[in-house]
Amino acid sequence: MHRVVSRWLDHRGKWVVDTGPWLGSHEDAELWAGQLRALGYLARVESIASQVQGGGADFDLQGALAGMA
């Protein structure tokens, strides 16, 4: 599973980070990331494998689970 993570500066100069939905194919995620880059966004593809292996933290999921506890 793969998703696109994009960042941009808002009108106050603060970074905004947005994550897209999980996609089944790396190629689909790269296509979407390329579209966002063409529009001027900083975009990268994130893989769920890196999440499972401890390569990064999924703060959205952690926040949602913490809110349910």
Protein backbone atom coordinates (compact mmCIF):
# COMPACT_ATOMS: atom_id res chain seq x y z
CA MET A 1 0.00 0.00 0.00
CA HIS A 2 1.22 3.46 -0.91
CA ARG A 3 0.01 7.02 -0.49
CA VAL A 4 1.05 10.51 -1.47
CA VAL A 5 2.18 12.96 1.19
CA SER A 6 2.22 16.58 0.05
CA ARG A 7 3.36 19.83 1.67
CA TRP A 8 2.92 23.48 0.88
CA LEU A 9 3.16 26.86 2.57
CA ASP A 10 -0.11 28.46 3.56
CA HIS A 11 -0.83 32.19 3.40
CA ARG A 12 0.85 32.69 6.82
CA GLY A 13 4.04 30.92 5.73
CA LYS A 14 3.32 27.80 7.79
CA TRP A 15 3.84 24.33 6.33
CA VAL A 16 0.69 22.29 5.70
CA VAL A 17 1.08 18.52 5.36
CA ASP A 18 -1.66 16.49 3.69
CA THR A 19 -1.83 12.75 3.12
CA GLY A 20 -3.86 11.09 0.41
CA PRO A 21 -5.70 7.77 0.58
CA TRP A 22 -3.85 4.47 0.55
CA LEU A 23 -3.45 3.14 -2.99
CA GLY A 24 -2.76 -0.46 -3.98
CA SER A 25 -0.09 0.33 -6.54
CA HIS A 26 3.17 2.27 -6.26
CA GLU A 27 2.76 3.37 -9.87
CA ASP A 28 -0.64 4.95 -9.10
CA ALA A 29 0.83 6.80 -6.13
CA GLU A 30 3.75 8.05 -8.25
CA LEU A 31 1.29 9.25 -10.90
CA TRP A 32 -0.64 11.30 -8.32
CA ALA A 33 2.58 12.63 -6.79
CA GLY A 34 3.74 13.71 -10.25
CA GLN A 35 0.46 15.55 -10.83
CA LEU A 36 0.85 17.40 -7.53
CA ARG A 37 4.48 18.25 -8.28
CA ALA A 38 3.40 19.68 -11.65
CA LEU A 39 1.08 22.01 -9.72
CA GLY A 40 3.95 23.19 -7.50
CA TYR A 41 3.46 21.03 -4.41
CA LEU A 42 6.24 19.13 -2.68
CA ALA A 43 5.06 15.53 -2.89
CA ARG A 44 6.49 12.14 -2.00
CA VAL A 45 5.21 8.58 -1.95
CA GLU A 46 5.00 6.82 1.39
CA SER A 47 4.78 3.05 1.69
CA ILE A 48 2.96 1.17 4.43
CA ALA A 49 5.92 -1.24 4.52
CA SER A 50 8.07 1.57 5.96
CA GLN A 51 5.36 2.18 8.56
CA VAL A 52 5.27 -1.46 9.63
CA GLN A 53 9.06 -1.71 9.77
CA GLY A 54 9.32 1.40 11.93
CA GLY A 55 10.60 3.65 9.16
CA GLY A 56 8.19 6.41 10.11
CA ALA A 57 5.19 7.21 12.25
CA ASP A 58 1.62 7.44 11.02
CA PHE A 59 0.50 10.28 13.26
CA ASP A 60 -3.02 10.38 11.80
CA LEU A 61 -3.63 6.75 12.73
CA GLN A 62 -2.01 7.14 16.13
CA GLY A 63 -4.15 10.19 16.88
CA ALA A 64 -7.34 8.42 15.80
CA LEU A 65 -6.56 5.36 17.93
CA ALA A 66 -5.63 7.51 20.93
CA GLY A 67 -8.92 9.39 20.56
CA MET A 68 -10.87 6.14 20.71
CA ALA A 69 -9.19 4.99 23.94
